[in-house]
C-alpha atoms as a PDB file:
ATOM      1  CA  MET A   1     110.648  99.333 194.215  1.00  0.00           C
ATOM      2  CA  ALA A   2     109.637  98.632 190.656  1.00  0.00           C
ATOM      3  CA  ASN A   3     106.184 100.084 190.981  1.00  0.00           C
ATOM      4  CA  LEU A   4     107.434 103.447 192.164  1.00  0.00           C
ATOM      5  CA  ARG A   5     110.349 103.567 189.734  1.00  0.00           C
ATOM      6  CA  ARG A   6     108.105 102.991 186.668  1.00  0.00           C
ATOM      7  CA  ALA A   7     106.057 106.006 187.759  1.00  0.00           C
ATOM      8  CA  ARG A   8     109.143 108.306 187.575  1.00  0.00           C
ATOM      9  CA  THR A   9     108.695 108.690 183.841  1.00  0.00           C
ATOM     10  CA  ARG A  10     105.142 110.177 184.252  1.00  0.00           C
ATOM     11  CA  GLU A  11     103.081 111.754 186.946  1.00  0.00           C
ATOM     12  CA  LEU A  12     102.899 109.700 190.049  1.00  0.00           C
ATOM     13  CA  ARG A  13      99.229 108.990 191.067  1.00  0.00           C
ATOM     14  CA  ALA A  14      98.567 108.260 194.684  1.00  0.00           C
ATOM     15  CA  ALA A  15      95.389 107.350 196.569  1.00  0.00           C
ATOM     16  CA  VAL A  16      95.165 108.048 200.243  1.00  0.00           C
ATOM     17  CA  VAL A  17      92.341 106.305 202.053  1.00  0.00           C
ATOM     18  CA  GLY A  18      91.423 108.145 205.360  1.00  0.00           C
ATOM     19  CA  GLY A  19      90.683 111.748 205.840  1.00  0.00           C
ATOM     20  CA  GLY A  20      91.916 112.121 209.468  1.00  0.00           C
ATOM     21  CA  VAL A  21      95.074 114.025 210.252  1.00  0.00           C
ATOM     22  CA  SER A  22      97.405 111.190 209.282  1.00  0.00           C
ATOM     23  CA  GLY A  23      95.895 110.817 205.845  1.00  0.00           C
ATOM     24  CA  THR A  24      95.544 114.545 205.171  1.00  0.00           C
ATOM     25  CA  ALA A  25      99.104 115.110 206.367  1.00  0.00           C
ATOM     26  CA  CYS A  26     100.317 112.372 203.975  1.00  0.00           C
ATOM     27  CA  ALA A  27      98.284 113.756 201.119  1.00  0.00           C
ATOM     28  CA  ARG A  28      99.426 117.253 201.683  1.00  0.00           C
ATOM     29  CA  THR A  29     103.078 116.314 201.619  1.00  0.00           C
ATOM     30  CA  LEU A  30     102.649 114.274 198.492  1.00  0.00           C
ATOM     31  CA  ALA A  31     100.709 117.010 196.665  1.00  0.00           C
ATOM     32  CA  ALA A  32     103.353 119.658 197.698  1.00  0.00           C
ATOM     33  CA  ALA A  33     105.930 117.487 195.782  1.00  0.00           C
ATOM     34  CA  GLY A  34     103.802 117.453 192.667  1.00  0.00           C
ATOM     35  CA  VAL A  35     102.060 114.026 193.057  1.00  0.00           C
ATOM     36  CA  ASP A  36      98.646 113.726 191.649  1.00  0.00           C
ATOM     37  CA  VAL A  37      96.728 112.809 194.942  1.00  0.00           C
ATOM     38  CA  THR A  38      93.165 111.791 195.620  1.00  0.00           C
ATOM     39  CA  LEU A  39      92.042 111.666 199.201  1.00  0.00           C
ATOM     40  CA  PHE A  40      89.156 109.274 200.000  1.00  0.00           C
ATOM     41  CA  ASP A  41      87.009 109.258 203.188  1.00  0.00           C
ATOM     42  CA  LYS A  42      83.845 107.350 203.983  1.00  0.00           C
ATOM     43  CA  ALA A  43      82.380 110.196 206.118  1.00  0.00           C
ATOM     44  CA  ARG A  44      80.743 113.351 205.028  1.00  0.00           C
ATOM     45  CA  GLY A  45      83.572 115.444 206.150  1.00  0.00           C
ATOM     46  CA  LEU A  46      87.267 115.263 206.977  1.00  0.00           C
ATOM     47  CA  GLY A  47      88.586 114.757 210.492  1.00  0.00           C
ATOM     48  CA  GLY A  48      88.490 111.099 211.435  1.00  0.00           C
ATOM     49  CA  ARG A  49      89.070 110.999 215.217  1.00  0.00           C
ATOM     50  CA  THR A  50      89.471 114.814 215.183  1.00  0.00           C
ATOM     51  CA  SER A  51      85.893 115.194 213.849  1.00  0.00           C
ATOM     52  CA  THR A  52      83.419 117.749 214.961  1.00  0.00           C
ATOM     53  CA  ARG A  53      79.661 116.745 215.307  1.00  0.00           C
ATOM     54  CA  ARG A  54      77.093 119.503 214.937  1.00  0.00           C
ATOM     55  CA  GLU A  55      73.703 119.419 216.632  1.00  0.00           C
ATOM     56  CA  GLY A  56      71.760 122.552 215.509  1.00  0.00           C
ATOM     57  CA  THR A  57      73.945 125.507 216.302  1.00  0.00           C
ATOM     58  CA  THR A  58      76.173 123.609 218.772  1.00  0.00           C
ATOM     59  CA  ALA A  59      79.378 121.854 217.810  1.00  0.00           C
ATOM     60  CA  PHE A  60      81.014 118.998 219.750  1.00  0.00           C
ATOM     61  CA  ASP A  61      84.603 117.779 219.349  1.00  0.00           C
ATOM     62  CA  HIS A  62      83.589 114.256 220.173  1.00  0.00           C
ATOM     63  CA  GLY A  63      86.904 112.700 219.261  1.00  0.00           C
ATOM     64  CA  ALA A  64      90.266 114.284 220.101  1.00  0.00           C
ATOM     65  CA  ALA A  65      89.635 117.199 222.507  1.00  0.00           C
ATOM     66  CA  PHE A  66      92.848 119.146 222.075  1.00  0.00           C
ATOM     67  CA  PHE A  67      96.467 118.444 221.376  1.00  0.00           C
ATOM     68  CA  HIS A  68     100.078 119.386 222.314  1.00  0.00           C
ATOM     69  CA  THR A  69     103.374 119.762 220.512  1.00  0.00           C
ATOM     70  CA  VAL A  70     106.636 117.873 221.246  1.00  0.00           C
ATOM     71  CA  GLY A  71     108.766 117.636 218.264  1.00  0.00           C
ATOM     72  CA  LYS A  72     110.277 120.561 216.220  1.00  0.00           C
ATOM     73  CA  ARG A  73     108.739 119.552 212.937  1.00  0.00           C
ATOM     74  CA  PHE A  74     105.214 119.232 214.219  1.00  0.00           C
ATOM     75  CA  HIS A  75     105.707 122.576 216.139  1.00  0.00           C
ATOM     76  CA  ALA A  76     106.609 124.287 212.917  1.00  0.00           C
ATOM     77  CA  LEU A  77     103.463 122.816 211.272  1.00  0.00           C
ATOM     78  CA  VAL A  78     101.444 124.124 214.202  1.00  0.00           C
ATOM     79  CA  ASP A  79     102.950 127.540 213.740  1.00  0.00           C
ATOM     80  CA  GLU A  80     101.881 127.468 210.121  1.00  0.00           C
ATOM     81  CA  ALA A  81      98.364 126.544 211.077  1.00  0.00           C
ATOM     82  CA  LEU A  82      98.233 129.231 213.693  1.00  0.00           C
ATOM     83  CA  ALA A  83      99.324 131.918 211.177  1.00  0.00           C
ATOM     84  CA  ALA A  84      96.541 130.587 208.776  1.00  0.00           C
ATOM     85  CA  GLY A  85      93.926 130.841 211.509  1.00  0.00           C
ATOM     86  CA  ALA A  86      93.197 127.154 211.461  1.00  0.00           C
ATOM     87  CA  ILE A  87      94.097 126.459 215.064  1.00  0.00           C
ATOM     88  CA  ALA A  88      94.330 128.523 218.224  1.00  0.00           C
ATOM     89  CA  PRO A  89      95.833 128.127 221.771  1.00  0.00           C
ATOM     90  CA  TRP A  90      93.506 126.925 224.395  1.00  0.00           C
ATOM     91  CA  THR A  91      94.208 128.194 228.015  1.00  0.00           C
ATOM     92  CA  GLY A  92      91.194 126.394 229.677  1.00  0.00           C
ATOM     93  CA  ARG A  93      91.852 125.120 233.135  1.00  0.00           C
ATOM     94  CA  ILE A  94      92.759 121.453 233.069  1.00  0.00           C
ATOM     95  CA  ARG A  95      92.272 119.555 236.367  1.00  0.00           C
ATOM     96  CA  LEU A  96      92.779 116.086 237.800  1.00  0.00           C
ATOM     97  CA  ILE A  97      89.825 114.635 239.814  1.00  0.00           C
ATOM     98  CA  ASP A  98      90.953 111.764 241.955  1.00  0.00           C
ATOM     99  CA  GLY A  99      88.968 110.326 244.902  1.00  0.00           C
ATOM    100  CA  GLY A 100      86.678 113.449 244.767  1.00  0.00           C
ATOM    101  CA  GLN A 101      89.667 115.784 245.008  1.00  0.00           C
ATOM    102  CA  VAL A 102      90.213 118.328 242.344  1.00  0.00           C
ATOM    103  CA  GLY A 103      94.008 119.043 241.752  1.00  0.00           C
ATOM    104  CA  GLU A 104      96.319 120.698 239.292  1.00  0.00           C
ATOM    105  CA  VAL A 105      97.642 118.740 236.240  1.00  0.00           C
ATOM    106  CA  VAL A 106     101.430 118.592 236.856  1.00  0.00           C
ATOM    107  CA  GLY A 107     103.636 119.635 233.969  1.00  0.00           C
ATOM    108  CA  ALA A 108     100.837 120.776 231.672  1.00  0.00           C
ATOM    109  CA  GLN A 109     101.928 121.601 228.264  1.00  0.00           C
ATOM    110  CA  GLN A 110     100.514 124.431 225.965  1.00  0.00           C
ATOM    111  CA  ARG A 111      97.332 123.197 224.421  1.00  0.00           C
ATOM    112  CA  PHE A 112      95.856 123.893 220.953  1.00  0.00           C
ATOM    113  CA  VAL A 113      92.527 123.257 219.307  1.00  0.00           C
ATOM    114  CA  ALA A 114      91.451 123.588 215.642  1.00  0.00           C
ATOM    115  CA  VAL A 115      88.831 126.246 214.896  1.00  0.00           C
ATOM    116  CA  PRO A 116      85.957 126.476 214.643  1.00  0.00           C
ATOM    117  CA  GLY A 117      86.106 122.732 215.428  1.00  0.00           C
ATOM    118  CA  MET A 118      88.688 120.066 215.732  1.00  0.00           C
ATOM    119  CA  SER A 119      87.924 118.899 212.099  1.00  0.00           C
ATOM    120  CA  GLY A 120      89.504 122.236 211.005  1.00  0.00           C
ATOM    121  CA  LEU A 121      92.972 120.780 211.327  1.00  0.00           C
ATOM    122  CA  SER A 122      92.298 118.098 208.680  1.00  0.00           C
ATOM    123  CA  ARG A 123      90.736 120.680 206.480  1.00  0.00           C
ATOM    124  CA  PHE A 124      93.779 122.867 206.754  1.00  0.00           C
ATOM    125  CA  LEU A 125      96.079 119.878 205.836  1.00  0.00           C
ATOM    126  CA  ALA A 126      93.850 118.942 202.923  1.00  0.00           C
ATOM    127  CA  ASN A 127      93.575 122.354 201.382  1.00  0.00           C
ATOM    128  CA  GLY A 128      94.262 122.046 197.618  1.00  0.00           C
ATOM    129  CA  VAL A 129      94.082 118.284 197.640  1.00  0.00           C
ATOM    130  CA  ALA A 130      91.467 116.513 195.462  1.00  0.00           C
ATOM    131  CA  THR A 131      89.070 114.907 197.951  1.00  0.00           C
ATOM    132  CA  ARG A 132      86.171 112.439 197.720  1.00  0.00           C
ATOM    133  CA  THR A 133      84.038 112.170 200.838  1.00  0.00           C
ATOM    134  CA  THR A 134      81.142 109.717 201.492  1.00  0.00           C
ATOM    135  CA  CYS A 135      83.132 107.294 199.487  1.00  0.00           C
ATOM    136  CA  ARG A 136      84.167 104.056 201.083  1.00  0.00           C
ATOM    137  CA  VAL A 137      87.052 102.207 199.380  1.00  0.00           C
ATOM    138  CA  ALA A 138      86.182  98.576 199.511  1.00  0.00           C
ATOM    139  CA  GLU A 139      88.237  96.865 196.771  1.00  0.00           C
ATOM    140  CA  VAL A 140      91.907  96.976 195.782  1.00  0.00           C
ATOM    141  CA  VAL A 141      92.833  95.119 192.645  1.00  0.00           C
ATOM    142  CA  PRO A 142      96.228  94.904 191.014  1.00  0.00           C
ATOM    143  CA  GLU A 143      96.311  96.187 187.398  1.00  0.00           C
ATOM    144  CA  GLY A 144      99.531  96.448 185.509  1.00  0.00           C
ATOM    145  CA  SER A 145     102.048  98.212 187.853  1.00  0.00           C
ATOM    146  CA  GLY A 146      99.232  99.903 189.768  1.00  0.00           C
ATOM    147  CA  TRP A 147      96.098  99.513 191.830  1.00  0.00           C
ATOM    148  CA  ARG A 148      92.546  99.695 190.672  1.00  0.00           C
ATOM    149  CA  LEU A 149      90.226 100.960 193.484  1.00  0.00           C
ATOM    150  CA  GLY A 150      86.521 100.207 193.846  1.00  0.00           C
ATOM    151  CA  SER A 151      83.810 101.595 196.161  1.00  0.00           C
ATOM    152  CA  ASP A 152      81.528  99.595 198.287  1.00  0.00           C
ATOM    153  CA  GLU A 153      78.790 100.444 195.758  1.00  0.00           C
ATOM    154  CA  GLY A 154      80.767  98.997 192.922  1.00  0.00           C
ATOM    155  CA  ALA A 155      82.019 102.318 191.454  1.00  0.00           C
ATOM    156  CA  ASP A 156      85.353 102.446 189.759  1.00  0.00           C
ATOM    157  CA  LEU A 157      87.472 104.981 191.676  1.00  0.00           C
ATOM    158  CA  GLY A 158      90.526 104.969 189.403  1.00  0.00           C
ATOM    159  CA  LEU A 159      93.913 103.500 188.793  1.00  0.00           C
ATOM    160  CA  PHE A 160      96.833 104.547 191.050  1.00  0.00           C
ATOM    161  CA  ASP A 161     100.544 103.851 191.269  1.00  0.00           C
ATOM    162  CA  VAL A 162     100.459 104.091 195.040  1.00  0.00           C
ATOM    163  CA  LEU A 163      97.907 103.281 197.706  1.00  0.00           C
ATOM    164  CA  VAL A 164      98.224 104.620 201.263  1.00  0.00           C
ATOM    165  CA  THR A 165      95.815 103.461 204.043  1.00  0.00           C
ATOM    166  CA  ALA A 166      95.480 106.023 206.863  1.00  0.00           C
ATOM    167  CA  VAL A 167      92.758 104.324 208.906  1.00  0.00           C
ATOM    168  CA  PRO A 168      92.733 102.209 212.080  1.00  0.00           C
ATOM    169  CA  ALA A 169      94.872  99.085 211.694  1.00  0.00           C
ATOM    170  CA  ALA A 170      91.865  96.709 211.733  1.00  0.00           C
ATOM    171  CA  GLN A 171      90.391  98.687 208.761  1.00  0.00           C
ATOM    172  CA  ALA A 172      93.568  98.966 206.906  1.00  0.00           C
ATOM    173  CA  ALA A 173      94.435  95.325 206.878  1.00  0.00           C
ATOM    174  CA  PRO A 174      91.745  94.212 204.510  1.00  0.00           C
ATOM    175  CA  LEU A 175      92.912  96.751 201.895  1.00  0.00           C
ATOM    176  CA  LEU A 176      96.425  95.541 202.040  1.00  0.00           C
ATOM    177  CA  VAL A 177      95.864  91.860 201.313  1.00  0.00           C
ATOM    178  CA  HIS A 178      98.298  92.118 198.454  1.00  0.00           C
ATOM    179  CA  ALA A 179     101.067  93.029 200.949  1.00  0.00           C
ATOM    180  CA  PRO A 180     100.753  90.217 203.490  1.00  0.00           C
ATOM    181  CA  GLU A 181     103.737  91.441 205.424  1.00  0.00           C
ATOM    182  CA  LEU A 182     102.004  94.735 206.022  1.00  0.00           C
ATOM    183  CA  ALA A 183      98.640  93.234 206.810  1.00  0.00           C
ATOM    184  CA  GLY A 184     100.358  90.783 209.227  1.00  0.00           C
ATOM    185  CA  ALA A 185     102.094  93.576 211.064  1.00  0.00           C
ATOM    186  CA  LEU A 186      98.906  95.572 211.511  1.00  0.00           C
ATOM    187  CA  GLY A 187      97.266  92.575 212.969  1.00  0.00           C
ATOM    188  CA  GLU A 188      99.631  92.933 215.917  1.00  0.00           C
ATOM    189  CA  VAL A 189      98.285  96.370 216.803  1.00  0.00           C
ATOM    190  CA  ARG A 190      95.872  96.436 219.788  1.00  0.00           C
ATOM    191  CA  MET A 191      93.264  99.192 219.942  1.00  0.00           C
ATOM    192  CA  ALA A 192      90.427  99.848 222.245  1.00  0.00           C
ATOM    193  CA  PRO A 193      87.082 101.639 221.904  1.00  0.00           C
ATOM    194  CA  THR A 194      85.931 104.885 223.420  1.00  0.00           C
ATOM    195  CA  TRP A 195      82.383 106.038 223.991  1.00  0.00           C
ATOM    196  CA  SER A 196      81.849 109.826 223.770  1.00  0.00           C
ATOM    197  CA  VAL A 197      78.791 111.489 225.000  1.00  0.00           C
ATOM    198  CA  MET A 198      77.852 115.012 223.652  1.00  0.00           C
ATOM    199  CA  VAL A 199      75.822 116.945 226.259  1.00  0.00           C
ATOM    200  CA  SER A 200      74.370 120.337 226.524  1.00  0.00           C
ATOM    201  CA  TRP A 201      72.768 122.124 229.476  1.00  0.00           C
ATOM    202  CA  ASP A 202      70.569 125.216 229.470  1.00  0.00           C
ATOM    203  CA  GLN A 203      72.272 126.552 232.619  1.00  0.00           C
ATOM    204  CA  ALA A 204      75.894 127.129 233.517  1.00  0.00           C
ATOM    205  CA  LEU A 205      77.313 124.304 235.548  1.00  0.00           C
ATOM    206  CA  GLU A 206      79.994 126.637 237.160  1.00  0.00           C
ATOM    207  CA  LEU A 207      82.610 123.909 237.512  1.00  0.00           C
ATOM    208  CA  PRO A 208      86.201 124.965 238.529  1.00  0.00           C
ATOM    209  CA  PHE A 209      87.692 123.667 235.212  1.00  0.00           C
ATOM    210  CA  GLU A 210      87.279 123.501 231.499  1.00  0.00           C
ATOM    211  CA  ALA A 211      88.548 119.993 231.329  1.00  0.00           C
ATOM    212  CA  ALA A 212      89.238 117.203 233.827  1.00  0.00           C
ATOM    213  CA  TYR A 213      90.830 113.827 233.875  1.00  0.00           C
ATOM    214  CA  VAL A 214      89.154 111.241 235.967  1.00  0.00           C
ATOM    215  CA  PRO A 215      91.371 108.091 236.732  1.00  0.00           C
ATOM    216  CA  MET A 216      89.635 104.761 237.368  1.00  0.00           C
ATOM    217  CA  ALA A 217      86.177 105.856 236.510  1.00  0.00           C
ATOM    218  CA  PRO A 218      83.510 105.052 233.929  1.00  0.00           C
ATOM    219  CA  VAL A 219      84.181 108.674 232.506  1.00  0.00           C
ATOM    220  CA  GLY A 220      87.834 109.349 231.899  1.00  0.00           C
ATOM    221  CA  LEU A 221      87.726 112.953 230.565  1.00  0.00           C
ATOM    222  CA  LEU A 222      85.262 115.811 230.798  1.00  0.00           C
ATOM    223  CA  VAL A 223      85.683 118.672 228.406  1.00  0.00           C
ATOM    224  CA  HIS A 224      83.739 121.956 228.174  1.00  0.00           C
ATOM    225  CA  ASP A 225      83.689 122.440 224.370  1.00  0.00           C
ATOM    226  CA  GLY A 226      81.741 125.651 224.788  1.00  0.00           C
ATOM    227  CA  ALA A 227      84.727 127.256 226.459  1.00  0.00           C
ATOM    228  CA  LYS A 228      86.987 126.679 223.533  1.00  0.00           C
ATOM    229  CA  PRO A 229      87.940 129.494 221.034  1.00  0.00           C
ATOM    230  CA  GLN A 230      85.271 130.275 218.417  1.00  0.00           C
ATOM    231  CA  ARG A 231      82.705 127.790 219.794  1.00  0.00           C
ATOM    232  CA  GLY A 232      80.296 130.191 221.335  1.00  0.00           C
ATOM    233  CA  ASP A 233      79.352 130.439 225.078  1.00  0.00           C
ATOM    234  CA  GLY A 234      77.016 127.541 225.477  1.00  0.00           C
ATOM    235  CA  GLU A 235      77.304 124.934 228.152  1.00  0.00           C
ATOM    236  CA  SER A 236      78.200 122.079 225.845  1.00  0.00           C
ATOM    237  CA  TRP A 237      80.432 119.252 227.053  1.00  0.00           C
ATOM    238  CA  VAL A 238      81.939 116.025 225.785  1.00  0.00           C
ATOM    239  CA  LEU A 239      82.210 113.143 228.325  1.00  0.00           C
ATOM    240  CA  HIS A 240      84.664 110.622 227.160  1.00  0.00           C
ATOM    241  CA  GLY A 241      84.296 107.121 228.628  1.00  0.00           C
ATOM    242  CA  SER A 242      87.382 105.387 229.979  1.00  0.00           C
ATOM    243  CA  THR A 243      89.027 102.718 227.916  1.00  0.00           C
ATOM    244  CA  GLY A 244      88.151  99.943 230.369  1.00  0.00           C
ATOM    245  CA  TRP A 245      84.430 100.986 230.763  1.00  0.00           C
ATOM    246  CA  SER A 246      84.031 101.521 226.968  1.00  0.00           C
ATOM    247  CA  THR A 247      85.422  98.124 226.255  1.00  0.00           C
ATOM    248  CA  GLU A 248      83.061  96.466 228.733  1.00  0.00           C
ATOM    249  CA  HIS A 249      80.052  98.394 227.395  1.00  0.00           C
ATOM    250  CA  ILE A 250      80.946  98.262 223.585  1.00  0.00           C
ATOM    251  CA  GLY A 251      77.478  96.631 222.941  1.00  0.00           C
ATOM    252  CA  SER A 252      75.458  99.014 225.039  1.00  0.00           C
ATOM    253  CA  ASP A 253      72.807 101.224 223.412  1.00  0.00           C
ATOM    254  CA  PRO A 254      73.538 104.947 223.159  1.00  0.00           C
ATOM    255  CA  GLN A 255      70.746 105.967 225.558  1.00  0.00           C
ATOM    256  CA  THR A 256      72.094 103.800 228.259  1.00  0.00           C
ATOM    257  CA  VAL A 257      75.668 105.107 227.657  1.00  0.00           C
ATOM    258  CA  CYS A 258      74.398 108.719 227.905  1.00  0.00           C
ATOM    259  CA  HIS A 259      72.672 108.066 231.204  1.00  0.00           C
ATOM    260  CA  ALA A 260      75.652 106.214 232.611  1.00  0.00           C
ATOM    261  CA  LEU A 261      78.270 108.720 231.742  1.00  0.00           C
ATOM    262  CA  VAL A 262      76.156 111.756 232.855  1.00  0.00           C
ATOM    263  CA  LEU A 263      75.775 110.038 236.179  1.00  0.00           C
ATOM    264  CA  ALA A 264      79.475 109.256 236.282  1.00  0.00           C
ATOM    265  CA  ALA A 265      80.275 113.007 235.641  1.00  0.00           C
ATOM    266  CA  SER A 266      78.001 113.920 238.566  1.00  0.00           C
ATOM    267  CA  SER A 267      79.862 111.411 240.832  1.00  0.00           C
ATOM    268  CA  ALA A 268      83.205 112.851 239.663  1.00  0.00           C
ATOM    269  CA  VAL A 269      82.293 116.460 240.342  1.00  0.00           C
ATOM    270  CA  GLY A 270      80.713 115.682 243.576  1.00  0.00           C
ATOM    271  CA  ARG A 271      77.207 116.913 242.972  1.00  0.00           C
ATOM    272  CA  ARG A 272      74.267 115.826 240.794  1.00  0.00           C
ATOM    273  CA  LEU A 273      74.305 117.606 237.477  1.00  0.00           C
ATOM    274  CA  PRO A 274      70.986 118.854 236.106  1.00  0.00           C
ATOM    275  CA  GLU A 275      69.048 117.016 233.401  1.00  0.00           C
ATOM    276  CA  PRO A 276      70.762 117.880 230.106  1.00  0.00           C
ATOM    277  CA  SER A 277      68.802 119.536 227.358  1.00  0.00           C
ATOM    278  CA  HIS A 278      70.624 117.338 224.733  1.00  0.00           C
ATOM    279  CA  ALA A 279      72.636 114.149 224.950  1.00  0.00           C
ATOM    280  CA  ALA A 280      73.902 111.886 222.269  1.00  0.00           C
ATOM    281  CA  ALA A 281      76.501 109.124 222.245  1.00  0.00           C
ATOM    282  CA  HIS A 282      79.097 108.030 219.651  1.00  0.00           C
ATOM    283  CA  LEU A 283      81.298 104.914 219.797  1.00  0.00           C
ATOM    284  CA  TRP A 284      84.752 105.025 218.488  1.00  0.00           C
ATOM    285  CA  ARG A 285      85.615 101.418 217.915  1.00  0.00           C
ATOM    286  CA  HIS A 286      89.295 102.073 217.312  1.00  0.00           C
ATOM    287  CA  ALA A 287      90.160 105.056 219.567  1.00  0.00           C
ATOM    288  CA  ALA A 288      92.921 104.208 221.965  1.00  0.00           C
ATOM    289  CA  VAL A 289      96.214 102.436 220.842  1.00  0.00           C
ATOM    290  CA  LEU A 290      97.108  99.978 223.586  1.00  0.00           C
ATOM    291  CA  ALA A 291      99.942  98.277 221.736  1.00  0.00           C
ATOM    292  CA  PRO A 292     101.529 100.423 218.967  1.00  0.00           C
ATOM    293  CA  LEU A 293     103.878  98.837 216.471  1.00  0.00           C
ATOM    294  CA  GLY A 294     106.800 101.199 217.412  1.00  0.00           C
ATOM    295  CA  VAL A 295     107.381 102.331 213.904  1.00  0.00           C
ATOM    296  CA  ASP A 296     106.424 105.567 212.071  1.00  0.00           C
ATOM    297  CA  PHE A 297     104.718 103.847 209.111  1.00  0.00           C
ATOM    298  CA  LEU A 298     104.690 100.712 206.903  1.00  0.00           C
ATOM    299  CA  LEU A 299     105.684 100.620 203.231  1.00  0.00           C
ATOM    300  CA  ASP A 300     105.948  97.900 200.710  1.00  0.00           C
ATOM    301  CA  GLU A 301     107.880  99.888 198.162  1.00  0.00           C
ATOM    302  CA  LYS A 302     107.930  97.009 195.601  1.00  0.00           C
ATOM    303  CA  ARG A 303     104.115  96.938 195.509  1.00  0.00           C
ATOM    304  CA  GLY A 304     103.506 100.671 196.128  1.00  0.00           C
ATOM    305  CA  LEU A 305     101.394 100.032 199.214  1.00  0.00           C
ATOM    306  CA  GLY A 306     101.686 101.930 202.522  1.00  0.00           C
ATOM    307  CA  ALA A 307     100.023 102.478 205.792  1.00  0.00           C
ATOM    308  CA  CYS A 308     100.229 105.275 208.335  1.00  0.00           C
ATOM    309  CA  GLY A 309      98.374 106.237 211.523  1.00  0.00           C
ATOM    310  CA  ASP A 310      98.721 106.800 215.210  1.00  0.00           C
ATOM    311  CA  TRP A 311      98.879 102.953 215.682  1.00  0.00           C
ATOM    312  CA  GLY A 312     102.561 103.274 214.888  1.00  0.00           C
ATOM    313  CA  ARG A 313     103.716 105.316 217.880  1.00  0.00           C
ATOM    314  CA  GLY A 314     100.578 105.939 219.992  1.00  0.00           C
ATOM    315  CA  SER A 315      97.423 107.906 220.361  1.00  0.00           C
ATOM    316  CA  THR A 316      98.345 111.535 219.819  1.00  0.00           C
ATOM    317  CA  VAL A 317      97.530 114.016 217.115  1.00  0.00           C
ATOM    318  CA  GLU A 318     101.285 114.659 216.636  1.00  0.00           C
ATOM    319  CA  ASN A 319     102.016 110.922 216.237  1.00  0.00           C
ATOM    320  CA  ALA A 320      99.341 110.669 213.603  1.00  0.00           C
ATOM    321  CA  VAL A 321     100.373 113.676 211.651  1.00  0.00           C
ATOM    322  CA  MET A 322     104.102 112.792 211.692  1.00  0.00           C
ATOM    323  CA  SER A 323     103.321 109.237 210.599  1.00  0.00           C
ATOM    324  CA  GLY A 324     101.542 110.522 207.457  1.00  0.00           C
ATOM    325  CA  ILE A 325     104.322 113.003 206.677  1.00  0.00           C
ATOM    326  CA  SER A 326     107.122 110.356 207.179  1.00  0.00           C
ATOM    327  CA  LEU A 327     105.323 107.837 204.940  1.00  0.00           C
ATOM    328  CA  ALA A 328     104.856 110.556 202.187  1.00  0.00           C
ATOM    329  CA  GLU A 329     108.573 111.405 202.440  1.00  0.00           C
ATOM    330  CA  ALA A 330     109.577 107.689 202.089  1.00  0.00           C
ATOM    331  CA  ILE A 331     107.368 107.334 199.006  1.00  0.00           C
ATOM    332  CA  LEU A 332     108.889 110.388 197.413  1.00  0.00           C
ATOM    333  CA  ALA A 333     112.479 109.316 198.223  1.00  0.00           C
ATOM    334  CA  ARG A 334     111.888 105.984 196.477  1.00  0.00           C
ATOM    335  CA  SER A 335     110.187 107.399 193.444  1.00  0.00           C
ATOM    336  CA  ARG A 336     112.979 109.753 192.423  1.00  0.00           C
END
């Protein structure tokens, strides 16, 4: 606890690596308590696996498609985001396609999407937080009672009292080599890849749903992004490969993946879909949490190193957000 206690006599400086919903929720909570926070992300924009990819005038939520609320605290945060216009309810028809039969999804919860794209949730959470994008943190070196961060290009990113990693477990472990207990725990997490194919058609498909789950198929989820609020009216879809198929085809080239998942979607809906006007594939190497740790976060309070993410409790937006908030609250409680 020494590292955090020393910081009590001056302004606590914290670095959060990872601009997805877990990292932005952590940074937001720390900043609201007066901590000097800098948020780093290697991508051009925030979002992580709630990112939005734009192709011309069309936007694709090629990571998380939508989310639900379960706990009261997350529900309160969702209400705040709704009032700010950062998210909106989505009443699209969700179906289950099993053996060629289209059925209702039993016990469906109210669904929400960020607007105008899923990355809007991270932008809402990071509002007012100092942010550095297109910046990959590659080096963490102890200096005094803090941590000196360096980029993969050799740039000095600053000295911080606390470092939080909010990235997939496999990416966090190398940054936490000075906390071997944390790095070792992260090594127990099992995650799987997911291929996502972003597809547009020039004609309406006229399918009886806006999203459909497909068990035991190359494509596990079909989502009509063009039917979401503030997306426009185009026939834009995201085809999410199943975990098993994506794992087997992790080394496939994007063009092959596009062809395979469009064919799988045709098979799922029971008719051949027309040739798409646009198709592009993206591989999420660490998308699905197969074996979570069963904890909300990890924190070495003596060294001032922590980690948060959906790998703690499982692959949901709520788990990721609450992991970040819980870690921030633990840091604040130990620095008073």
